[in-house]
Amino acid sequence: MEPEKILLSWSGGKDSCLTLYEIQRTHRYQIAALLTTVTESYERISMHGVRTVLLERQAESLGLPLEKVLIPPGCGNETYECRMRQTLEKYQSQGIRRVAFGDLFLEDIRSYRETNLARIRMQGLFPLWKKDTKALSTQFVELGFQAIVVCIDPRVLDKSFAGRLVDTNFVHSLPPHVDPCGENGEFHSFVFAGPLFQRPVRFTPGEVVLRDSFWFCDLLPE
């Protein structure tokens, strides 16, 4: 029986990567495309701030197609939902019925996704749902994935966490009130190497800047 083709909501970070790892491990699904929201005039992954060229190299190294959903800066919810729906409908017309997400435990986010998908007769998949986040962060490191922290919320983490590698020391140094996977938006990452990658995505860490009340570590493509 042929694996079912699905989409994977892709931020470029570690939870997305672990979701891909789980999907490919089961051999039940085939990824038709990585679905990433990109802020069009900035040419960066929305929220994470990673340059589009690095996103493209990441997808190329993973050997998977990339579908960019372009949204304007300061995008409102109505515009976001409209553009996302247009993209999803394109794949739905090709027979694709499911979208996988790396959500872990936020019930309202999962409900929001499922409600929007149901409107166009699609369903969500949540391979990591309710898994222990400390165990997941440890698994990510032990599997050999490599990631760098590209965005932090200064309300919960010090600026010094931006630009750090996601390794054992990083996981152990997180304050008790911070989720080990950053599920509440405490931090975001960019995965650049690991068991799913054909080659590392090369970059140089750049300036750490405060923008829209978040600290971002710029990654400069090599």
Foldseek 3Di string as FASTA:
>chain_A
DQAAEAAEADQQFDLSVVQVVLVVVVNNYDYQEHEFEAAPVLCAGPPLRAHVVLVVVQCVQLVGHYDYQYAHPVGDPVRVLVSVVVVVVVVVVVVHAEYEYSAEEDPVVQVVVQVSSVVSRHGYHHSRYPPQQLVSLQVSQVQPWKKAWFKAQVVQDPLVRHGHISHPVNLVPHDPVARSRNNVVGTTIHIFDGDSGNDGQDWDWDDWDADPNMTGTYTGGD
